[in-house]
Amino acid sequence: HRDGSRYKRIAIIDDGSVFSVSLADSLSGQLQQRDSASVIYGPQSTNADRVKEDLEAQLMEIVQLPDMPDLIVFIGSYDNSAELNTLMPKYYQLDDTDIAYSTSIMNVAPEESFLSRNTGANIGRSYYSVAPLISLKDNNNPIAKTFFDDYKAEYNEDPNPYSATGYDAANIVIDAIKEAVHERAEVPQTCLLDVWLKRTTDVTKKFRQAVVNNIRDDGIHDAASSATGKYLFAPNSNGDARDVQKAAVSVFRWDPANWSTDSVNGWQFQ
């Protein structure tokens, strides 16, 4: 919070998409594990056919709560996030409430961003976090720089936040397959009939498990690109990754007036 304290009262709203609902539920569960009283509203979904109307109804419910939230988290598309931003000035009771958006707002030109309408104290209070954006961070990692340069040369554009993580993830799987073969795990010989019938043989299941075991063995995986660092996958988990080298996200602050090489469409890397 702007006064340096932790958020104590949080409202969570999503735009009703499958991804947004799942993320809202997950966030709510995590917050309530830390402090069962922190989520005072939601997660509440809007109807895809009436997002504006539902948002207005939900904001009216929120301002009638005994205590105002100090943070509203909106999980949804860029257009629906802009809709919420447009509605907020109507509810003066929420003037001291911060808003966190989880959408691709960093890909929009600053003059086109709905945040460009923010003025006064609100202008420097908007933050955005993404998967490690290696093009703007970790300058001490030469392989990250090589990945960035090679990607731009190949596709004539900067890698997006998930380019490096996706590439590293693929290389981790490839390395695990090679290791399974090296350990003499029987390689499945799938025929077209198996594919057509969507039939999974016991050999396929065993080989798949051998690959999984080589990822989830509590060892450190240094992907071929190493663009996002080294990964440690927890054993007996559903793929929980612990990045042992650096933070899991890149954080940016909305500050379009001060451009720098670490800026993306008005967002300054923190």
C-alpha atoms as a PDB file:
ATOM      1  CA  HIS A   1       0.000   0.000   0.000  1.00  0.00           C
ATOM      2  CA  ARG A   2       1.135   3.558  -0.593  1.00  0.00           C
ATOM      3  CA  ASP A   3       1.637   4.123   3.140  1.00  0.00           C
ATOM      4  CA  GLY A   4       3.975   1.131   3.313  1.00  0.00           C
ATOM      5  CA  SER A   5       1.584  -1.182   5.139  1.00  0.00           C
ATOM      6  CA  ARG A   6       0.353  -4.567   3.960  1.00  0.00           C
ATOM      7  CA  TYR A   7      -3.075  -4.789   2.357  1.00  0.00           C
ATOM      8  CA  LYS A   8      -5.602  -5.872   4.969  1.00  0.00           C
ATOM      9  CA  ARG A   9      -8.918  -5.837   3.079  1.00  0.00           C
ATOM     10  CA  ILE A  10      -8.996  -7.200  -0.468  1.00  0.00           C
ATOM     11  CA  ALA A  11     -11.794  -7.526  -3.014  1.00  0.00           C
ATOM     12  CA  ILE A  12     -11.378  -9.903  -5.967  1.00  0.00           C
ATOM     13  CA  ILE A  13     -13.362  -9.612  -9.187  1.00  0.00           C
ATOM     14  CA  ASP A  14     -12.920 -11.525 -12.465  1.00  0.00           C
ATOM     15  CA  ASP A  15     -14.495 -11.199 -15.899  1.00  0.00           C
ATOM     16  CA  GLY A  16     -15.917 -14.722 -15.986  1.00  0.00           C
ATOM     17  CA  SER A  17     -13.489 -16.328 -18.439  1.00  0.00           C
ATOM     18  CA  VAL A  18     -12.234 -19.810 -17.569  1.00  0.00           C
ATOM     19  CA  PHE A  19      -8.674 -18.572 -17.006  1.00  0.00           C
ATOM     20  CA  SER A  20      -9.801 -15.585 -14.914  1.00  0.00           C
ATOM     21  CA  VAL A  21     -12.128 -17.612 -12.698  1.00  0.00           C
ATOM     22  CA  SER A  22      -9.415 -20.189 -11.993  1.00  0.00           C
ATOM     23  CA  LEU A  23      -6.832 -17.508 -11.238  1.00  0.00           C
ATOM     24  CA  ALA A  24      -9.247 -15.609  -8.990  1.00  0.00           C
ATOM     25  CA  ASP A  25     -10.067 -18.774  -7.032  1.00  0.00           C
ATOM     26  CA  SER A  26      -6.381 -19.646  -6.688  1.00  0.00           C
ATOM     27  CA  LEU A  27      -5.470 -16.136  -5.533  1.00  0.00           C
ATOM     28  CA  SER A  28      -8.295 -16.093  -3.010  1.00  0.00           C
ATOM     29  CA  GLY A  29      -7.195 -19.437  -1.594  1.00  0.00           C
ATOM     30  CA  GLN A  30      -3.588 -18.293  -1.241  1.00  0.00           C
ATOM     31  CA  LEU A  31      -4.585 -15.050   0.475  1.00  0.00           C
ATOM     32  CA  GLN A  32      -6.924 -16.791   2.887  1.00  0.00           C
ATOM     33  CA  GLN A  33      -4.206 -19.266   3.846  1.00  0.00           C
ATOM     34  CA  ARG A  34      -2.106 -16.306   4.994  1.00  0.00           C
ATOM     35  CA  ASP A  35      -4.932 -14.333   6.582  1.00  0.00           C
ATOM     36  CA  SER A  36      -8.455 -15.711   6.524  1.00  0.00           C
ATOM     37  CA  ALA A  37      -9.936 -12.238   7.028  1.00  0.00           C
ATOM     38  CA  SER A  38      -8.098 -10.492   4.181  1.00  0.00           C
ATOM     39  CA  VAL A  39     -10.553 -11.291   1.365  1.00  0.00           C
ATOM     40  CA  ILE A  40     -13.661  -9.296   2.228  1.00  0.00           C
ATOM     41  CA  TYR A  41     -15.389  -9.567  -1.169  1.00  0.00           C
ATOM     42  CA  GLY A  42     -15.348 -12.229  -3.855  1.00  0.00           C
ATOM     43  CA  PRO A  43     -13.971 -13.751  -5.831  1.00  0.00           C
ATOM     44  CA  GLN A  44     -16.988 -12.646  -7.817  1.00  0.00           C
ATOM     45  CA  SER A  45     -17.419 -13.156 -11.567  1.00  0.00           C
ATOM     46  CA  THR A  46     -19.068 -10.934 -14.138  1.00  0.00           C
ATOM     47  CA  ASN A  47     -21.198 -12.261 -16.964  1.00  0.00           C
ATOM     48  CA  ALA A  48     -19.412 -12.092 -20.309  1.00  0.00           C
ATOM     49  CA  ASP A  49     -22.511 -10.534 -21.921  1.00  0.00           C
ATOM     50  CA  ARG A  50     -22.925  -7.808 -19.305  1.00  0.00           C
ATOM     51  CA  VAL A  51     -19.534  -7.037 -17.836  1.00  0.00           C
ATOM     52  CA  LYS A  52     -20.180  -3.301 -17.352  1.00  0.00           C
ATOM     53  CA  GLU A  53     -23.548  -3.837 -15.664  1.00  0.00           C
ATOM     54  CA  ASP A  54     -22.158  -6.540 -13.374  1.00  0.00           C
ATOM     55  CA  LEU A  55     -19.115  -4.427 -12.473  1.00  0.00           C
ATOM     56  CA  GLU A  56     -21.355  -1.520 -11.525  1.00  0.00           C
ATOM     57  CA  ALA A  57     -23.472  -3.814  -9.355  1.00  0.00           C
ATOM     58  CA  GLN A  58     -20.386  -5.283  -7.697  1.00  0.00           C
ATOM     59  CA  LEU A  59     -18.809  -1.906  -7.019  1.00  0.00           C
ATOM     60  CA  MET A  60     -22.103  -0.788  -5.456  1.00  0.00           C
ATOM     61  CA  GLU A  61     -22.006  -3.856  -3.195  1.00  0.00           C
ATOM     62  CA  ILE A  62     -18.405  -3.105  -2.238  1.00  0.00           C
ATOM     63  CA  VAL A  63     -19.036   0.523  -1.260  1.00  0.00           C
ATOM     64  CA  GLN A  64     -21.831  -0.663   1.037  1.00  0.00           C
ATOM     65  CA  LEU A  65     -19.462  -2.886   3.029  1.00  0.00           C
ATOM     66  CA  PRO A  66     -18.709  -1.823   6.621  1.00  0.00           C
ATOM     67  CA  ASP A  67     -15.054  -1.266   5.676  1.00  0.00           C
ATOM     68  CA  MET A  68     -13.709  -0.309   2.280  1.00  0.00           C
ATOM     69  CA  PRO A  69     -11.099  -2.595   0.702  1.00  0.00           C
ATOM     70  CA  ASP A  70      -7.639  -1.096   0.418  1.00  0.00           C
ATOM     71  CA  LEU A  71      -7.055  -3.213  -2.703  1.00  0.00           C
ATOM     72  CA  ILE A  72      -9.272  -4.397  -5.554  1.00  0.00           C
ATOM     73  CA  VAL A  73      -7.798  -7.138  -7.727  1.00  0.00           C
ATOM     74  CA  PHE A  74      -9.388  -7.382 -11.170  1.00  0.00           C
ATOM     75  CA  ILE A  75      -8.571 -10.468 -13.216  1.00  0.00           C
ATOM     76  CA  GLY A  76      -9.673 -10.205 -16.810  1.00  0.00           C
ATOM     77  CA  SER A  77      -9.032  -8.956 -20.319  1.00  0.00           C
ATOM     78  CA  TYR A  78      -7.589  -5.582 -21.250  1.00  0.00           C
ATOM     79  CA  ASP A  79     -10.964  -4.252 -22.463  1.00  0.00           C
ATOM     80  CA  ASN A  80     -12.743  -5.318 -19.288  1.00  0.00           C
ATOM     81  CA  SER A  81      -9.939  -3.848 -17.164  1.00  0.00           C
ATOM     82  CA  ALA A  82     -10.422  -0.561 -19.015  1.00  0.00           C
ATOM     83  CA  GLU A  83     -14.135  -0.783 -18.247  1.00  0.00           C
ATOM     84  CA  LEU A  84     -13.430  -1.051 -14.524  1.00  0.00           C
ATOM     85  CA  ASN A  85     -10.962   1.837 -14.700  1.00  0.00           C
ATOM     86  CA  THR A  86     -13.643   3.986 -16.360  1.00  0.00           C
ATOM     87  CA  LEU A  87     -16.218   3.145 -13.686  1.00  0.00           C
ATOM     88  CA  MET A  88     -14.016   3.748 -10.642  1.00  0.00           C
ATOM     89  CA  PRO A  89     -14.343   7.594 -10.499  1.00  0.00           C
ATOM     90  CA  LYS A  90     -18.093   7.177  -9.950  1.00  0.00           C
ATOM     91  CA  TYR A  91     -17.424   5.562  -6.568  1.00  0.00           C
ATOM     92  CA  TYR A  92     -15.701   8.227  -4.477  1.00  0.00           C
ATOM     93  CA  GLN A  93     -15.742   5.886  -1.476  1.00  0.00           C
ATOM     94  CA  LEU A  94     -12.982   3.939  -3.240  1.00  0.00           C
ATOM     95  CA  ASP A  95     -10.687   6.903  -3.874  1.00  0.00           C
ATOM     96  CA  ASP A  96      -8.148   5.492  -1.414  1.00  0.00           C
ATOM     97  CA  THR A  97      -8.363   1.970  -2.832  1.00  0.00           C
ATOM     98  CA  ASP A  98      -5.561   0.640  -5.029  1.00  0.00           C
ATOM     99  CA  ILE A  99      -6.324  -1.510  -8.058  1.00  0.00           C
ATOM    100  CA  ALA A 100      -4.249  -4.398  -9.367  1.00  0.00           C
ATOM    101  CA  TYR A 101      -4.821  -5.587 -12.912  1.00  0.00           C
ATOM    102  CA  SER A 102      -3.739  -8.945 -14.282  1.00  0.00           C
ATOM    103  CA  THR A 103      -3.870  -8.385 -18.020  1.00  0.00           C
ATOM    104  CA  SER A 104      -1.531  -7.620 -20.891  1.00  0.00           C
ATOM    105  CA  ILE A 105      -1.605  -3.880 -20.327  1.00  0.00           C
ATOM    106  CA  MET A 106       2.124  -3.586 -20.974  1.00  0.00           C
ATOM    107  CA  ASN A 107       1.646  -4.360 -24.679  1.00  0.00           C
ATOM    108  CA  VAL A 108      -0.395  -1.199 -25.303  1.00  0.00           C
ATOM    109  CA  ALA A 109       1.142   2.101 -26.399  1.00  0.00           C
ATOM    110  CA  PRO A 110       1.171   4.553 -23.450  1.00  0.00           C
ATOM    111  CA  GLU A 111      -1.046   7.117 -25.184  1.00  0.00           C
ATOM    112  CA  GLU A 112      -3.631   4.391 -25.863  1.00  0.00           C
ATOM    113  CA  SER A 113      -3.547   2.854 -22.381  1.00  0.00           C
ATOM    114  CA  PHE A 114      -6.540   3.440 -20.154  1.00  0.00           C
ATOM    115  CA  LEU A 115      -4.003   4.266 -17.440  1.00  0.00           C
ATOM    116  CA  SER A 116      -3.046   7.391 -19.391  1.00  0.00           C
ATOM    117  CA  ARG A 117      -6.195   8.944 -17.937  1.00  0.00           C
ATOM    118  CA  ASN A 118      -4.876   8.538 -14.405  1.00  0.00           C
ATOM    119  CA  THR A 119      -3.712  11.782 -12.859  1.00  0.00           C
ATOM    120  CA  GLY A 120      -2.432  13.114  -9.564  1.00  0.00           C
ATOM    121  CA  ALA A 121      -1.531  10.677  -6.820  1.00  0.00           C
ATOM    122  CA  ASN A 122      -2.786   7.708  -8.828  1.00  0.00           C
ATOM    123  CA  ILE A 123      -0.321   8.063 -11.669  1.00  0.00           C
ATOM    124  CA  GLY A 124       2.613   6.441  -9.857  1.00  0.00           C
ATOM    125  CA  ARG A 125       0.669   3.766  -8.011  1.00  0.00           C
ATOM    126  CA  SER A 126       0.084   1.330 -10.855  1.00  0.00           C
ATOM    127  CA  TYR A 127       2.310  -1.740 -11.003  1.00  0.00           C
ATOM    128  CA  TYR A 128       2.480  -4.694 -13.347  1.00  0.00           C
ATOM    129  CA  SER A 129       4.276  -8.016 -12.974  1.00  0.00           C
ATOM    130  CA  VAL A 130       5.028 -10.688 -15.558  1.00  0.00           C
ATOM    131  CA  ALA A 131       7.091 -13.815 -15.961  1.00  0.00           C
ATOM    132  CA  PRO A 132      10.820 -13.006 -16.031  1.00  0.00           C
ATOM    133  CA  LEU A 133      11.286 -10.552 -18.894  1.00  0.00           C
ATOM    134  CA  ILE A 134      14.857 -11.384 -19.742  1.00  0.00           C
ATOM    135  CA  SER A 135      15.164  -8.650 -22.356  1.00  0.00           C
ATOM    136  CA  LEU A 136      15.106  -6.042 -19.622  1.00  0.00           C
ATOM    137  CA  LYS A 137      16.751  -7.733 -16.678  1.00  0.00           C
ATOM    138  CA  ASP A 138      19.547  -9.997 -15.597  1.00  0.00           C
ATOM    139  CA  ASN A 139      22.231  -8.138 -17.543  1.00  0.00           C
ATOM    140  CA  ASN A 140      24.848 -10.309 -15.831  1.00  0.00           C
ATOM    141  CA  ASN A 141      23.578 -13.420 -17.608  1.00  0.00           C
ATOM    142  CA  PRO A 142      25.352 -13.539 -21.005  1.00  0.00           C
ATOM    143  CA  ILE A 143      23.217 -16.464 -22.185  1.00  0.00           C
ATOM    144  CA  ALA A 144      20.057 -14.438 -21.546  1.00  0.00           C
ATOM    145  CA  LYS A 145      21.471 -11.673 -23.724  1.00  0.00           C
ATOM    146  CA  THR A 146      22.356 -14.196 -26.437  1.00  0.00           C
ATOM    147  CA  PHE A 147      18.827 -15.603 -26.324  1.00  0.00           C
ATOM    148  CA  PHE A 148      17.373 -12.104 -26.641  1.00  0.00           C
ATOM    149  CA  ASP A 149      19.622 -11.213 -29.600  1.00  0.00           C
ATOM    150  CA  ASP A 150      19.011 -14.543 -31.374  1.00  0.00           C
ATOM    151  CA  TYR A 151      15.247 -14.284 -30.886  1.00  0.00           C
ATOM    152  CA  LYS A 152      15.124 -10.763 -32.276  1.00  0.00           C
ATOM    153  CA  ALA A 153      17.285 -11.749 -35.240  1.00  0.00           C
ATOM    154  CA  GLU A 154      15.014 -14.704 -36.019  1.00  0.00           C
ATOM    155  CA  TYR A 155      11.605 -13.049 -35.553  1.00  0.00           C
ATOM    156  CA  ASN A 156      12.428  -9.329 -35.943  1.00  0.00           C
ATOM    157  CA  GLU A 157      10.819  -8.489 -32.599  1.00  0.00           C
ATOM    158  CA  ASP A 158      11.660  -8.612 -28.913  1.00  0.00           C
ATOM    159  CA  PRO A 159      10.775 -11.810 -27.047  1.00  0.00           C
ATOM    160  CA  ASN A 160       7.554 -11.550 -25.068  1.00  0.00           C
ATOM    161  CA  PRO A 161       7.548 -12.395 -21.334  1.00  0.00           C
ATOM    162  CA  TYR A 162       6.934 -16.086 -21.989  1.00  0.00           C
ATOM    163  CA  SER A 163       9.322 -16.635 -24.909  1.00  0.00           C
ATOM    164  CA  ALA A 164      12.329 -17.533 -22.749  1.00  0.00           C
ATOM    165  CA  THR A 165      10.365 -19.529 -20.176  1.00  0.00           C
ATOM    166  CA  GLY A 166       8.661 -21.525 -22.946  1.00  0.00           C
ATOM    167  CA  TYR A 167      11.975 -22.181 -24.659  1.00  0.00           C
ATOM    168  CA  ASP A 168      13.626 -23.275 -21.432  1.00  0.00           C
ATOM    169  CA  ALA A 169      10.656 -25.478 -20.544  1.00  0.00           C
ATOM    170  CA  ALA A 170      10.905 -27.246 -23.901  1.00  0.00           C
ATOM    171  CA  ASN A 171      14.634 -27.817 -23.415  1.00  0.00           C
ATOM    172  CA  ILE A 172      14.076 -29.226 -19.921  1.00  0.00           C
ATOM    173  CA  VAL A 173      11.641 -31.778 -21.386  1.00  0.00           C
ATOM    174  CA  ILE A 174      14.044 -32.617 -24.228  1.00  0.00           C
ATOM    175  CA  ASP A 175      16.881 -33.150 -21.757  1.00  0.00           C
ATOM    176  CA  ALA A 176      14.637 -35.387 -19.628  1.00  0.00           C
ATOM    177  CA  ILE A 177      13.736 -37.492 -22.677  1.00  0.00           C
ATOM    178  CA  LYS A 178      17.424 -37.906 -23.538  1.00  0.00           C
ATOM    179  CA  GLU A 179      18.165 -38.941 -19.951  1.00  0.00           C
ATOM    180  CA  ALA A 180      15.321 -41.490 -19.968  1.00  0.00           C
ATOM    181  CA  VAL A 181      16.747 -43.034 -23.153  1.00  0.00           C
ATOM    182  CA  HIS A 182      20.250 -42.999 -21.643  1.00  0.00           C
ATOM    183  CA  GLU A 183      18.886 -44.916 -18.644  1.00  0.00           C
ATOM    184  CA  ARG A 184      17.577 -47.519 -21.100  1.00  0.00           C
ATOM    185  CA  ALA A 185      13.903 -46.872 -20.509  1.00  0.00           C
ATOM    186  CA  GLU A 186      11.977 -48.735 -23.221  1.00  0.00           C
ATOM    187  CA  VAL A 187      10.994 -46.272 -25.947  1.00  0.00           C
ATOM    188  CA  PRO A 188       7.385 -46.680 -27.109  1.00  0.00           C
ATOM    189  CA  GLN A 189       6.817 -47.571 -30.750  1.00  0.00           C
ATOM    190  CA  THR A 190       3.463 -45.913 -31.316  1.00  0.00           C
ATOM    191  CA  CYS A 191       1.630 -46.875 -34.495  1.00  0.00           C
ATOM    192  CA  LEU A 192      -0.986 -44.870 -36.384  1.00  0.00           C
ATOM    193  CA  LEU A 193      -3.736 -47.168 -35.099  1.00  0.00           C
ATOM    194  CA  ASP A 194      -2.785 -46.294 -31.501  1.00  0.00           C
ATOM    195  CA  VAL A 195      -2.990 -42.614 -32.367  1.00  0.00           C
ATOM    196  CA  TRP A 196      -6.319 -43.008 -34.150  1.00  0.00           C
ATOM    197  CA  LEU A 197      -7.805 -44.977 -31.255  1.00  0.00           C
ATOM    198  CA  LYS A 198      -6.185 -42.624 -28.698  1.00  0.00           C
ATOM    199  CA  ARG A 199      -4.703 -45.726 -27.126  1.00  0.00           C
ATOM    200  CA  THR A 200      -1.904 -45.422 -24.583  1.00  0.00           C
ATOM    201  CA  THR A 201       0.185 -48.534 -24.129  1.00  0.00           C
ATOM    202  CA  ASP A 202       1.882 -49.604 -20.905  1.00  0.00           C
ATOM    203  CA  VAL A 203       5.264 -48.937 -22.530  1.00  0.00           C
ATOM    204  CA  THR A 204       4.184 -45.377 -23.305  1.00  0.00           C
ATOM    205  CA  LYS A 205       3.027 -44.838 -19.733  1.00  0.00           C
ATOM    206  CA  LYS A 206       6.281 -46.169 -18.303  1.00  0.00           C
ATOM    207  CA  PHE A 207       8.424 -44.063 -20.626  1.00  0.00           C
ATOM    208  CA  ARG A 208       6.368 -40.967 -19.829  1.00  0.00           C
ATOM    209  CA  GLN A 209       6.892 -41.606 -16.126  1.00  0.00           C
ATOM    210  CA  ALA A 210      10.641 -42.003 -16.682  1.00  0.00           C
ATOM    211  CA  VAL A 211      10.696 -38.580 -18.336  1.00  0.00           C
ATOM    212  CA  VAL A 212       8.683 -37.081 -15.469  1.00  0.00           C
ATOM    213  CA  ASN A 213      11.034 -38.623 -12.913  1.00  0.00           C
ATOM    214  CA  ASN A 214      14.027 -37.056 -14.635  1.00  0.00           C
ATOM    215  CA  ILE A 215      12.410 -33.639 -14.290  1.00  0.00           C
ATOM    216  CA  ARG A 216      10.966 -34.047 -10.822  1.00  0.00           C
ATOM    217  CA  ASP A 217      13.997 -35.578  -9.146  1.00  0.00           C
ATOM    218  CA  ASP A 218      14.831 -32.643  -6.879  1.00  0.00           C
ATOM    219  CA  GLY A 219      17.868 -31.897  -8.999  1.00  0.00           C
ATOM    220  CA  ILE A 220      18.780 -28.611 -10.634  1.00  0.00           C
ATOM    221  CA  HIS A 221      17.973 -28.257 -14.319  1.00  0.00           C
ATOM    222  CA  ASP A 222      20.064 -25.909 -16.383  1.00  0.00           C
ATOM    223  CA  ALA A 223      18.065 -25.542 -19.586  1.00  0.00           C
ATOM    224  CA  ALA A 224      19.989 -25.367 -22.831  1.00  0.00           C
ATOM    225  CA  SER A 225      19.329 -21.644 -23.192  1.00  0.00           C
ATOM    226  CA  SER A 226      19.571 -20.843 -19.458  1.00  0.00           C
ATOM    227  CA  ALA A 227      17.808 -17.607 -20.327  1.00  0.00           C
ATOM    228  CA  THR A 228      15.610 -17.656 -17.258  1.00  0.00           C
ATOM    229  CA  GLY A 229      18.021 -19.342 -14.897  1.00  0.00           C
ATOM    230  CA  LYS A 230      18.250 -22.738 -13.254  1.00  0.00           C
ATOM    231  CA  TYR A 231      15.163 -24.606 -12.117  1.00  0.00           C
ATOM    232  CA  LEU A 232      14.514 -26.897  -9.192  1.00  0.00           C
ATOM    233  CA  PHE A 233      11.349 -28.980  -9.399  1.00  0.00           C
ATOM    234  CA  ALA A 234       9.939 -30.262  -6.136  1.00  0.00           C
ATOM    235  CA  PRO A 235       9.629 -34.076  -5.936  1.00  0.00           C
ATOM    236  CA  ASN A 236       6.171 -35.656  -5.707  1.00  0.00           C
ATOM    237  CA  SER A 237       4.494 -32.450  -6.853  1.00  0.00           C
ATOM    238  CA  ASN A 238       2.449 -31.350  -9.839  1.00  0.00           C
ATOM    239  CA  GLY A 239       5.392 -29.517 -11.333  1.00  0.00           C
ATOM    240  CA  ASP A 240       6.078 -26.915  -8.669  1.00  0.00           C
ATOM    241  CA  ALA A 241       9.183 -25.067  -9.771  1.00  0.00           C
ATOM    242  CA  ARG A 242      11.530 -23.196  -7.501  1.00  0.00           C
ATOM    243  CA  ASP A 243      13.820 -20.796  -9.317  1.00  0.00           C
ATOM    244  CA  VAL A 244      16.996 -20.972  -7.280  1.00  0.00           C
ATOM    245  CA  GLN A 245      18.766 -18.192  -9.102  1.00  0.00           C
ATOM    246  CA  LYS A 246      16.487 -15.165  -9.106  1.00  0.00           C
ATOM    247  CA  ALA A 247      13.017 -13.797  -8.468  1.00  0.00           C
ATOM    248  CA  ALA A 248      10.121 -15.440 -10.266  1.00  0.00           C
ATOM    249  CA  VAL A 249       8.691 -12.251 -11.787  1.00  0.00           C
ATOM    250  CA  SER A 250       9.698  -8.936 -13.260  1.00  0.00           C
ATOM    251  CA  VAL A 251       7.992  -5.874 -11.766  1.00  0.00           C
ATOM    252  CA  PHE A 252       7.256  -2.647 -13.636  1.00  0.00           C
ATOM    253  CA  ARG A 253       5.848   0.726 -12.508  1.00  0.00           C
ATOM    254  CA  TRP A 254       3.653   2.953 -14.677  1.00  0.00           C
ATOM    255  CA  ASP A 255       5.765   6.018 -15.451  1.00  0.00           C
ATOM    256  CA  PRO A 256       5.376   7.040 -19.129  1.00  0.00           C
ATOM    257  CA  ALA A 257       6.934  10.469 -18.569  1.00  0.00           C
ATOM    258  CA  ASN A 258      10.381   9.030 -17.817  1.00  0.00           C
ATOM    259  CA  TRP A 259      11.510   6.851 -20.711  1.00  0.00           C
ATOM    260  CA  SER A 260      14.571   4.658 -20.361  1.00  0.00           C
ATOM    261  CA  THR A 261      16.049   1.553 -21.967  1.00  0.00           C
ATOM    262  CA  ASP A 262      14.256  -0.428 -19.264  1.00  0.00           C
ATOM    263  CA  SER A 263      10.901   1.008 -20.319  1.00  0.00           C
ATOM    264  CA  VAL A 264       8.150  -0.822 -22.203  1.00  0.00           C
ATOM    265  CA  ASN A 265       5.263   1.336 -23.375  1.00  0.00           C
ATOM    266  CA  GLY A 266       5.445   3.567 -20.322  1.00  0.00           C
ATOM    267  CA  TRP A 267       6.272   0.794 -17.854  1.00  0.00           C
ATOM    268  CA  GLN A 268       9.578   1.223 -16.048  1.00  0.00           C
ATOM    269  CA  PHE A 269      11.387  -1.924 -14.945  1.00  0.00           C
ATOM    270  CA  GLN A 270      11.867  -1.984 -11.173  1.00  0.00           C
END
